[in-house]
Amino acid sequence: MFYKKYYTRFPVSHANNYFFYTSMPKTGCACKPMIENWRYFQHFLACWFLLCYTINGAIRTLTHGNSVMRIILYTGKGGVGKTTIAAATGIKLSELGYKTIVISLDVAHSLRDAFDNHEKLVYQEKEKQIRISENLWIQEINVQEAIVEYWDDVYNYIRSLLNRSGLDSLVAEEIAVFPGMEEICALLYINEYVREKSYDVIILDCAPTGESLRFVSIPTTLEWYMNHIFKLERGLAKVAGPVIEKVSSVPIPRDNYFQNIQDLFDKLEGIDNVLTDPEITTVRLVTNPEKIVIKETQRAFMYFCLYGLCIDAVIINRIFPDGVDAAYFEAWKQTQQLYIKEAMDYFSDVPIWKVNLFAEEIVGEPGLHLLAEALYADIDPADRFAKESPYRFRKTAGVYQLSMRLPFLSKEEIGLTKHGDELIVTVGGFKQHVALPRTLSNKKTMGAKLTGDQLVIKFEGENQH
């Protein structure tokens, strides 16, 4: 009763006031020794809680509080389970204390469906980032909203151009979202989160392989356009625009159109370095133990290396477990084991994680938690499991060399062209522009040699001309 009479317990901002003294008894009160004891006790509690808080902060700092932001891309052939694995990874990371966002880059979004929480999703329907738990958010990029936010002038010009061609207004609005807009919008959001350090980990639920390759190639393509074409177009529009408009009904873009593009490029500045920095960004390929899927995973592995991204894991999903004994599945199990063995040989340079097919559909947070535990167990998904850059420059015995990691290729499939300060590597229908350092921009290539999965390109030495 003494405690209730003289003290009121409530949380306050000062650490030494866990028990707030409300009224002191008069001098000589028999309760005075008890009051002194409570004073000592409150100081002991204050020191104890302050010590616990300090230790907890130190642990977070040592584990991941001051670490570099991580960006992890999950990609692969359509239908292999990328979205489910990306969502499960987000669950695991959030439980480990990382502030995490999972972003869907696929036009046909299914990330919300994976979490299957109608009440939570509807409540935050108008939010760009939907909060799932204390440390977890998801985002499905709405390209129409992003266009209004980032490049309204460009969109309006293209739409007006299409309207002049006779297309219906609604059709013109749809077609005006030309290929690449979705990818650029996603890169704008990612670069914004990186600059503002909004999250500890960004998980990218990528579109199927082809669209993912276009996504990672956008920064290089845009930089080439800005350096070689943009200024020329802007200058011509200023000089020739008024003359052309007098003799033609085709609208000429105003300067606000070009300024919008320049602003976009400025907002994307540095994103290419972020994506190709293995300390920040890594790619994880999701596959199934089937011939066609494994073959596409091989190609994806090579193409991501070509574009300078670091692949740090391959995930083989939906493996029939040993408990499936029905004769109907016996041939499937044997086939899967054959392609699992092939995958182990193909991707021996990176960790390979295996996930069994579950007895029921993986959907909703409980199911995603089960998948996360099966996939990662004691692994921290934010760790880097490969740190080697897929290409590097070096000088050996006076000869400059560029080494590129290009697995699964023969020398007949590779084409090399040097143009100014760029080396253009062609593999099939894909091209990669590798920016050369100044010391190599005026030097000719002396040949290339493919040894294993390493393509070594030699340039003229210092005294060779």
Protein backbone atom coordinates (compact mmCIF):
# COMPACT_ATOMS: atom_id res chain seq x y z
CA MET A 1 0.00 0.00 0.00
CA PHE A 2 2.93 2.30 0.66
CA TYR A 3 4.02 1.95 -2.99
CA LYS A 4 0.56 2.85 -4.28
CA LYS A 5 0.34 5.83 -1.95
CA TYR A 6 3.68 7.49 -2.52
CA TYR A 7 4.80 6.33 -5.97
CA THR A 8 3.22 6.16 -9.41
CA ARG A 9 4.79 3.82 -12.04
CA PHE A 10 4.77 5.18 -15.59
CA PRO A 11 7.25 5.33 -18.52
CA VAL A 12 9.17 8.58 -18.86
CA SER A 13 11.94 9.82 -21.11
CA HIS A 14 14.65 9.97 -18.41
CA ALA A 15 16.31 6.68 -17.61
CA ASN A 16 16.57 7.33 -13.84
CA ASN A 17 12.83 7.98 -13.32
CA TYR A 18 11.24 4.56 -13.67
CA PHE A 19 9.44 5.28 -10.40
CA PHE A 20 8.26 8.84 -10.02
CA TYR A 21 8.13 10.24 -6.51
CA THR A 22 4.78 11.97 -6.00
CA SER A 23 4.63 12.97 -2.34
CA MET A 24 7.27 12.79 0.38
CA PRO A 25 6.20 11.75 3.88
CA LYS A 26 6.88 14.19 6.69
CA THR A 27 10.21 14.12 8.54
CA GLY A 28 10.30 11.47 11.23
CA CYS A 29 7.89 9.17 9.46
CA ALA A 30 8.50 5.50 10.19
CA CYS A 31 8.48 4.84 6.47
CA LYS A 32 11.60 6.94 5.78
CA PRO A 33 14.03 3.95 5.63
CA MET A 34 11.73 2.29 3.10
CA ILE A 35 11.75 5.48 0.99
CA GLU A 36 15.56 5.50 0.98
CA ASN A 37 15.58 1.85 -0.13
CA TRP A 38 13.26 2.67 -3.02
CA ARG A 39 15.62 5.48 -4.08
CA TYR A 40 18.56 3.06 -4.25
CA PHE A 41 16.39 0.55 -6.09
CA GLN A 42 15.27 3.08 -8.72
CA HIS A 43 18.89 4.07 -9.39
CA PHE A 44 19.85 0.40 -9.71
CA LEU A 45 17.03 -0.13 -12.24
CA ALA A 46 18.07 2.97 -14.19
CA CYS A 47 21.66 1.75 -14.50
CA TRP A 48 20.54 -1.78 -15.42
CA PHE A 49 18.21 -0.64 -18.22
CA LEU A 50 20.80 1.83 -19.53
CA LEU A 51 23.40 -0.96 -19.65
CA CYS A 52 21.00 -3.30 -21.49
CA TYR A 53 20.13 -0.58 -24.00
CA THR A 54 23.83 0.12 -24.66
CA ILE A 55 24.66 -3.56 -25.13
CA ASN A 56 21.71 -4.04 -27.48
CA GLY A 57 22.80 -1.07 -29.61
CA ALA A 58 26.37 -2.36 -29.72
CA ILE A 59 25.17 -5.79 -30.88
CA ARG A 60 23.07 -4.24 -33.67
CA THR A 61 26.04 -2.13 -34.76
CA LEU A 62 28.38 -5.11 -34.82
CA THR A 63 25.93 -7.33 -36.70
CA HIS A 64 24.45 -5.03 -39.35
CA GLY A 65 23.78 -1.58 -37.97
CA ASN A 66 26.59 0.13 -39.87
CA SER A 67 26.95 -2.33 -42.75
CA VAL A 68 26.56 -1.39 -46.39
CA MET A 69 23.04 -1.53 -47.79
CA ARG A 70 22.33 -4.77 -49.62
CA ILE A 71 20.42 -5.22 -52.87
CA ILE A 72 19.57 -8.81 -53.84
CA LEU A 73 17.97 -9.71 -57.18
CA TYR A 74 15.93 -12.92 -57.45
CA THR A 75 15.42 -13.88 -61.06
CA GLY A 76 15.00 -16.86 -63.37
CA LYS A 77 12.64 -18.38 -65.89
CA GLY A 78 8.95 -17.57 -65.46
CA GLY A 79 7.10 -19.88 -63.07
CA VAL A 80 10.06 -21.21 -61.09
CA GLY A 81 8.94 -19.60 -57.81
CA LYS A 82 10.93 -16.33 -57.77
CA THR A 83 8.20 -14.26 -56.10
CA THR A 84 7.58 -16.79 -53.32
CA ILE A 85 11.29 -17.10 -52.56
CA ALA A 86 11.78 -13.31 -52.65
CA ALA A 87 8.86 -12.87 -50.23
CA ALA A 88 10.18 -15.61 -47.93
CA THR A 89 13.60 -13.94 -47.96
CA GLY A 90 11.97 -10.69 -46.88
CA ILE A 91 10.27 -12.52 -43.98
CA LYS A 92 13.58 -14.04 -42.85
CA LEU A 93 15.52 -10.77 -43.06
CA SER A 94 12.86 -8.84 -41.14
CA GLU A 95 12.95 -11.47 -38.39
CA LEU A 96 16.73 -11.02 -38.18
CA GLY A 97 16.20 -7.30 -37.56
CA TYR A 98 16.96 -5.89 -41.02
CA LYS A 99 14.72 -3.11 -42.24
CA THR A 100 13.68 -4.71 -45.53
CA ILE A 101 11.62 -3.89 -48.60
CA VAL A 102 10.64 -6.38 -51.31
CA ILE A 103 9.99 -4.67 -54.67
CA SER A 104 8.23 -6.39 -57.56
CA LEU A 105 9.75 -5.52 -60.96
CA ASP A 106 7.36 -7.72 -62.94
CA VAL A 107 4.57 -6.00 -64.88
CA ALA A 108 2.27 -8.90 -63.89
CA HIS A 109 2.63 -8.34 -60.13
CA SER A 110 1.91 -11.21 -57.74
CA LEU A 111 3.84 -10.08 -54.66
CA ARG A 112 0.73 -9.03 -52.74
CA ASP A 113 -0.86 -12.38 -53.53
CA ALA A 114 2.11 -14.17 -51.98
CA PHE A 115 1.44 -12.53 -48.60
CA ASP A 116 -2.31 -13.21 -48.84
CA ASN A 117 -3.32 -10.66 -46.20
CA HIS A 118 -6.41 -8.97 -47.62
CA GLU A 119 -7.18 -6.83 -44.56
CA LYS A 120 -3.65 -5.42 -44.28
CA LEU A 121 -3.29 -4.83 -48.02
CA VAL A 122 -6.67 -3.12 -48.47
CA TYR A 123 -6.02 -0.86 -45.48
CA GLN A 124 -2.82 0.43 -47.13
CA GLU A 125 -4.03 0.16 -50.71
CA LYS A 126 -3.06 3.73 -51.63
CA GLU A 127 0.40 3.51 -50.08
CA LYS A 128 3.45 3.00 -52.32
CA GLN A 129 5.14 0.89 -49.68
CA ILE A 130 2.86 -1.51 -47.84
CA ARG A 131 3.94 -2.39 -44.33
CA ILE A 132 3.74 -6.12 -43.60
CA SER A 133 5.45 -6.21 -40.21
CA GLU A 134 7.72 -4.11 -38.01
CA ASN A 135 10.72 -4.43 -40.35
CA LEU A 136 9.13 -5.49 -43.63
CA TRP A 137 7.54 -3.54 -46.49
CA ILE A 138 6.53 -4.55 -50.02
CA GLN A 139 6.10 -2.43 -53.15
CA GLU A 140 4.48 -3.19 -56.48
CA ILE A 141 5.47 -0.38 -58.82
CA ASN A 142 2.51 1.37 -60.43
CA VAL A 143 3.98 2.66 -63.68
CA GLN A 144 1.18 5.19 -64.23
CA GLU A 145 1.79 6.80 -60.83
CA ALA A 146 5.55 6.72 -61.38
CA ILE A 147 5.19 8.44 -64.77
CA VAL A 148 3.23 11.30 -63.20
CA GLU A 149 5.87 11.57 -60.47
CA TYR A 150 9.00 11.33 -62.57
CA TRP A 151 8.44 12.06 -66.26
CA ASP A 152 5.11 13.62 -66.98
CA ASP A 153 6.48 15.89 -69.74
CA VAL A 154 7.98 12.98 -71.70
CA TYR A 155 4.78 10.95 -71.40
CA ASN A 156 2.57 13.87 -72.47
CA TYR A 157 4.68 14.53 -75.57
CA ILE A 158 4.62 10.88 -76.69
CA ARG A 159 0.87 10.73 -76.06
CA SER A 160 0.26 13.89 -78.11
CA LEU A 161 2.43 12.49 -80.92
CA LEU A 162 0.35 9.31 -81.00
CA ASN A 163 -2.89 11.30 -80.90
CA ARG A 164 -1.77 13.26 -83.97
CA SER A 165 -1.26 9.96 -85.78
CA GLY A 166 -4.98 9.24 -85.43
CA LEU A 167 -4.94 6.79 -82.53
CA ASP A 168 -7.76 6.82 -80.00
CA SER A 169 -6.90 8.78 -76.84
CA LEU A 170 -7.16 5.75 -74.57
CA VAL A 171 -5.02 3.63 -76.89
CA ALA A 172 -2.48 6.45 -77.15
CA GLU A 173 -2.23 6.64 -73.34
CA GLU A 174 -1.52 2.90 -73.14
CA ILE A 175 1.01 2.83 -75.97
CA ALA A 176 2.79 5.91 -74.62
CA VAL A 177 4.18 3.69 -71.85
CA PHE A 178 6.96 2.48 -74.12
CA PRO A 179 9.35 -0.41 -73.30
CA GLY A 180 11.86 0.49 -70.64
CA MET A 181 9.65 2.91 -68.72
CA GLU A 182 8.84 0.32 -66.04
CA GLU A 183 12.51 -0.54 -65.58
CA ILE A 184 13.56 3.11 -65.34
CA CYS A 185 10.81 3.80 -62.79
CA ALA A 186 12.07 0.88 -60.69
CA LEU A 187 15.66 2.13 -60.90
CA LEU A 188 14.52 5.60 -59.81
CA TYR A 189 12.87 4.19 -56.68
CA ILE A 190 15.89 1.98 -55.91
CA ASN A 191 18.36 4.84 -56.30
CA GLU A 192 16.19 7.03 -54.09
CA TYR A 193 16.16 4.39 -51.34
CA VAL A 194 19.94 3.94 -51.66
CA ARG A 195 20.66 7.67 -51.46
CA GLU A 196 18.36 8.17 -48.48
CA LYS A 197 19.46 4.90 -46.82
CA SER A 198 15.80 4.08 -46.31
CA TYR A 199 16.33 0.34 -45.82
CA ASP A 200 19.02 -2.13 -44.79
CA VAL A 201 18.13 -4.61 -47.54
CA ILE A 202 16.27 -4.20 -50.85
CA ILE A 203 14.94 -7.45 -52.33
CA LEU A 204 14.08 -7.27 -56.03
CA ASP A 205 11.50 -9.76 -57.25
CA CYS A 206 12.55 -9.62 -60.89
CA ALA A 207 10.62 -10.36 -64.05
CA PRO A 208 11.61 -13.45 -66.09
CA THR A 209 15.18 -13.60 -67.36
CA GLY A 210 14.83 -11.56 -70.58
CA GLU A 211 13.15 -8.60 -68.88
CA SER A 212 15.63 -8.80 -65.99
CA LEU A 213 18.53 -8.48 -68.41
CA ARG A 214 16.88 -5.43 -69.95
CA PHE A 215 16.49 -3.99 -66.44
CA VAL A 216 20.20 -4.28 -65.59
CA SER A 217 21.23 -2.99 -69.04
CA ILE A 218 19.12 0.19 -68.80
CA PRO A 219 21.77 2.32 -66.97
CA THR A 220 24.42 1.58 -69.62
CA THR A 221 21.98 2.16 -72.49
CA LEU A 222 20.70 5.43 -71.02
CA GLU A 223 24.21 6.70 -70.35
CA TRP A 224 25.19 5.97 -73.95
CA TYR A 225 22.11 7.85 -75.21
CA MET A 226 22.79 10.85 -72.98
CA ASN A 227 26.46 11.05 -74.02
CA HIS A 228 26.03 10.50 -77.77
CA ILE A 229 22.52 11.53 -78.88
CA PHE A 230 20.70 13.60 -76.27
CA LYS A 231 22.58 16.90 -76.68
CA LEU A 232 22.36 16.67 -80.46
CA GLU A 233 18.59 16.07 -80.33
CA ARG A 234 18.05 18.92 -77.89
CA GLY A 235 20.06 21.33 -80.02
CA LEU A 236 18.28 20.33 -83.24
CA ALA A 237 14.86 20.73 -81.60
CA LYS A 238 15.74 24.28 -80.56
CA VAL A 239 17.11 25.33 -83.93
CA ALA A 240 14.98 23.39 -86.42
CA GLY A 241 11.81 22.96 -84.36
CA PRO A 242 10.12 26.29 -85.23
CA VAL A 243 10.82 25.77 -88.95
CA ILE A 244 9.53 22.17 -89.01
CA GLU A 245 6.31 23.10 -87.18
CA LYS A 246 5.47 25.63 -89.92
CA VAL A 247 5.49 22.97 -92.64
CA SER A 248 4.44 19.89 -90.68
CA SER A 249 1.72 18.89 -88.23
CA VAL A 250 4.11 16.67 -86.28
CA PRO A 251 4.69 18.22 -82.82
CA ILE A 252 8.31 18.97 -81.94
CA PRO A 253 9.31 18.35 -78.32
CA ARG A 254 9.70 21.50 -76.24
CA ASP A 255 12.68 22.09 -73.99
CA ASN A 256 10.73 20.91 -70.92
CA TYR A 257 10.67 17.45 -72.58
CA PHE A 258 14.48 17.38 -72.74
CA GLN A 259 14.81 18.90 -69.27
CA ASN A 260 12.59 16.10 -67.93
CA ILE A 261 14.93 13.51 -69.46
CA GLN A 262 17.97 15.33 -68.03
CA ASP A 263 16.34 15.38 -64.57
CA LEU A 264 15.65 11.65 -64.83
CA PHE A 265 19.24 10.95 -65.75
CA ASP A 266 20.47 13.05 -62.82
CA LYS A 267 18.22 11.09 -60.44
CA LEU A 268 19.67 7.84 -61.79
CA GLU A 269 23.26 8.99 -61.37
CA GLY A 270 25.33 6.34 -59.63
CA ILE A 271 22.83 3.49 -60.00
CA ASP A 272 25.11 1.66 -62.45
CA ASN A 273 27.89 1.63 -59.84
CA VAL A 274 25.43 0.39 -57.22
CA LEU A 275 24.24 -2.52 -59.38
CA THR A 276 27.76 -3.62 -60.35
CA ASP A 277 29.30 -3.29 -56.87
CA PRO A 278 29.47 -6.87 -55.45
CA GLU A 279 29.61 -5.46 -51.92
CA ILE A 280 26.12 -4.02 -52.44
CA THR A 281 24.34 -5.95 -55.19
CA THR A 282 24.26 -9.67 -55.91
CA VAL A 283 22.05 -11.86 -58.09
CA ARG A 284 20.45 -15.15 -57.04
CA LEU A 285 19.14 -17.36 -59.81
CA VAL A 286 16.05 -19.43 -59.06
CA THR A 287 15.62 -22.59 -61.12
CA ASN A 288 13.80 -25.93 -61.22
CA PRO A 289 15.44 -29.33 -61.87
CA GLU A 290 14.24 -29.56 -65.48
CA LYS A 291 16.25 -29.50 -68.71
CA ILE A 292 14.79 -26.35 -70.30
CA VAL A 293 14.89 -24.41 -67.03
CA ILE A 294 18.48 -25.39 -66.25
CA LYS A 295 19.56 -24.39 -69.76
CA GLU A 296 17.98 -20.95 -69.38
CA THR A 297 19.63 -20.59 -65.96
CA GLN A 298 22.98 -21.22 -67.64
CA ARG A 299 22.31 -18.46 -70.15
CA ALA A 300 21.14 -16.11 -67.41
CA PHE A 301 24.31 -16.83 -65.41
CA MET A 302 26.47 -15.89 -68.39
CA TYR A 303 24.49 -12.78 -69.36
CA PHE A 304 24.48 -11.35 -65.82
CA CYS A 305 28.25 -11.85 -65.74
CA LEU A 306 28.43 -10.06 -69.09
CA TYR A 307 26.60 -7.06 -67.61
CA GLY A 308 28.99 -6.92 -64.66
CA LEU A 309 26.75 -8.27 -61.88
CA CYS A 310 27.92 -10.69 -59.20
CA ILE A 311 25.96 -13.96 -58.85
CA ASP A 312 26.31 -15.33 -55.32
CA ALA A 313 23.85 -18.27 -55.27
CA VAL A 314 21.68 -20.58 -57.34
CA ILE A 315 18.45 -21.88 -55.79
CA ILE A 316 16.98 -25.15 -57.06
CA ASN A 317 13.31 -25.02 -56.15
CA ARG A 318 10.48 -27.60 -56.06
CA ILE A 319 12.49 -30.78 -55.68
CA PHE A 320 10.41 -33.90 -55.00
CA PRO A 321 11.33 -35.04 -51.47
CA ASP A 322 12.32 -38.60 -50.59
CA GLY A 323 8.94 -39.14 -48.95
CA VAL A 324 7.17 -39.11 -52.32
CA ASP A 325 7.14 -42.86 -53.09
CA ALA A 326 4.24 -43.16 -55.51
CA ALA A 327 5.22 -44.97 -58.73
CA TYR A 328 3.66 -42.13 -60.74
CA PHE A 329 6.43 -39.76 -59.56
CA GLU A 330 9.36 -42.19 -59.81
CA ALA A 331 10.39 -41.07 -63.32
CA TRP A 332 10.07 -37.43 -62.27
CA LYS A 333 12.33 -38.00 -59.26
CA GLN A 334 15.00 -39.69 -61.38
CA THR A 335 14.86 -36.89 -63.96
CA GLN A 336 15.15 -34.25 -61.25
CA GLN A 337 18.19 -35.94 -59.70
CA LEU A 338 19.85 -36.03 -63.14
CA TYR A 339 19.43 -32.27 -63.64
CA ILE A 340 20.35 -31.48 -60.03
CA LYS A 341 23.67 -33.23 -60.69
CA GLU A 342 24.12 -31.21 -63.90
CA ALA A 343 23.36 -27.99 -62.04
CA MET A 344 25.94 -28.89 -59.37
CA ASP A 345 28.53 -29.21 -62.16
CA TYR A 346 27.46 -26.08 -64.06
CA PHE A 347 27.31 -23.74 -61.08
CA SER A 348 30.10 -25.18 -58.93
CA ASP A 349 31.61 -21.71 -58.38
CA VAL A 350 28.67 -20.48 -56.28
CA PRO A 351 26.62 -21.95 -53.43
CA ILE A 352 23.64 -24.06 -54.53
CA TRP A 353 20.64 -24.15 -52.20
CA LYS A 354 17.94 -26.78 -52.60
CA VAL A 355 14.29 -26.44 -51.63
CA ASN A 356 11.87 -29.37 -51.62
CA LEU A 357 8.37 -29.18 -52.99
CA PHE A 358 6.03 -28.61 -50.05
CA ALA A 359 2.97 -30.76 -49.41
CA GLU A 360 0.72 -27.74 -49.91
CA GLU A 361 0.72 -24.33 -51.55
CA ILE A 362 3.10 -21.77 -50.02
CA VAL A 363 1.04 -18.63 -49.53
CA GLY A 364 0.56 -16.18 -46.65
CA GLU A 365 3.01 -15.24 -43.92
CA PRO A 366 2.94 -18.59 -42.06
CA GLY A 367 3.72 -20.49 -45.26
CA LEU A 368 6.43 -18.02 -46.27
CA HIS A 369 8.00 -18.41 -42.83
CA LEU A 370 8.15 -22.20 -43.32
CA LEU A 371 9.79 -21.74 -46.72
CA ALA A 372 12.30 -19.26 -45.29
CA GLU A 373 13.32 -21.71 -42.56
CA ALA A 374 13.64 -24.56 -45.06
CA LEU A 375 15.73 -22.45 -47.45
CA TYR A 376 17.98 -20.54 -45.08
CA ALA A 377 17.92 -22.37 -41.71
CA ASP A 378 20.94 -20.76 -39.96
CA ILE A 379 22.00 -18.71 -43.01
CA ASP A 380 21.74 -14.92 -42.98
CA PRO A 381 20.32 -14.05 -46.44
CA ALA A 382 21.97 -10.62 -46.29
CA ASP A 383 25.44 -12.17 -46.34
CA ARG A 384 27.49 -12.15 -49.54
CA PHE A 385 28.33 -15.62 -50.79
CA ALA A 386 30.55 -14.45 -53.67
CA LYS A 387 32.51 -11.21 -53.80
CA GLU A 388 34.46 -11.45 -57.03
CA SER A 389 33.62 -8.96 -59.73
CA PRO A 390 32.88 -10.71 -63.05
CA TYR A 391 35.48 -8.61 -64.86
CA ARG A 392 38.61 -6.74 -63.87
CA PHE A 393 41.49 -4.78 -65.41
CA ARG A 394 45.16 -5.47 -64.71
CA LYS A 395 48.63 -4.94 -66.15
CA THR A 396 50.97 -7.92 -66.57
CA ALA A 397 54.52 -7.65 -67.96
CA GLY A 398 53.70 -4.29 -69.55
CA VAL A 399 50.55 -5.62 -71.26
CA TYR A 400 47.12 -4.39 -70.27
CA GLN A 401 44.45 -7.07 -69.83
CA LEU A 402 40.72 -7.21 -69.26
CA SER A 403 39.46 -10.46 -67.72
CA MET A 404 35.76 -11.26 -68.04
CA ARG A 405 33.96 -14.21 -66.54
CA LEU A 406 31.73 -15.67 -69.27
CA PRO A 407 30.78 -19.26 -68.46
CA PHE A 408 29.21 -21.79 -70.86
CA LEU A 409 30.56 -20.16 -74.03
CA SER A 410 32.76 -21.15 -76.94
CA LYS A 411 35.06 -18.65 -78.66
CA GLU A 412 32.89 -18.78 -81.80
CA GLU A 413 30.00 -17.20 -79.89
CA ILE A 414 31.90 -14.08 -78.80
CA GLY A 415 32.37 -10.91 -80.81
CA LEU A 416 34.61 -7.97 -79.85
CA THR A 417 34.53 -4.41 -81.19
CA LYS A 418 36.40 -1.39 -79.82
CA HIS A 419 34.95 2.05 -80.37
CA GLY A 420 36.70 4.98 -78.71
CA ASP A 421 36.72 4.45 -74.96
CA GLU A 422 34.32 1.49 -75.11
CA LEU A 423 34.79 -2.21 -75.72
CA ILE A 424 31.65 -3.80 -77.15
CA VAL A 425 31.30 -7.49 -76.29
CA THR A 426 28.67 -9.31 -78.32
CA VAL A 427 27.24 -12.67 -77.27
CA GLY A 428 24.35 -13.87 -79.40
CA GLY A 429 21.80 -11.07 -79.56
CA PHE A 430 23.15 -9.25 -76.51
CA LYS A 431 25.73 -6.49 -76.36
CA GLN A 432 27.59 -5.09 -73.42
CA HIS A 433 29.46 -1.79 -73.58
CA VAL A 434 32.43 -2.01 -71.22
CA ALA A 435 33.79 1.43 -70.36
CA LEU A 436 37.57 1.43 -70.66
CA PRO A 437 39.90 3.45 -68.42
CA ARG A 438 41.67 6.39 -70.02
CA THR A 439 44.91 4.46 -70.34
CA LEU A 440 43.19 1.94 -72.64
CA SER A 441 40.87 4.23 -74.62
CA ASN A 442 43.54 4.94 -77.27
CA LYS A 443 45.03 1.43 -77.38
CA LYS A 444 44.15 -1.32 -79.82
CA THR A 445 43.16 -4.83 -78.83
CA MET A 446 45.83 -7.44 -79.49
CA GLY A 447 43.56 -10.46 -79.32
CA ALA A 448 41.53 -12.49 -76.87
CA LYS A 449 41.75 -15.94 -75.36
CA LEU A 450 38.98 -18.00 -73.73
CA THR A 451 40.34 -20.25 -70.97
CA GLY A 452 37.66 -22.12 -69.10
CA ASP A 453 35.10 -19.47 -68.20
CA GLN A 454 37.60 -16.59 -68.32
CA LEU A 455 37.84 -14.41 -71.43
CA VAL A 456 41.14 -12.50 -71.34
CA ILE A 457 41.40 -9.56 -73.76
CA LYS A 458 44.84 -8.04 -74.33
CA PHE A 459 45.58 -4.43 -75.26
CA GLU A 460 48.69 -2.70 -76.54
CA GLY A 461 51.38 -2.04 -73.95
CA GLU A 462 52.88 1.33 -73.08
CA ASN A 463 55.50 1.26 -75.87
CA GLN A 464 53.38 -0.47 -78.53
CA HIS A 465 51.65 1.67 -81.16
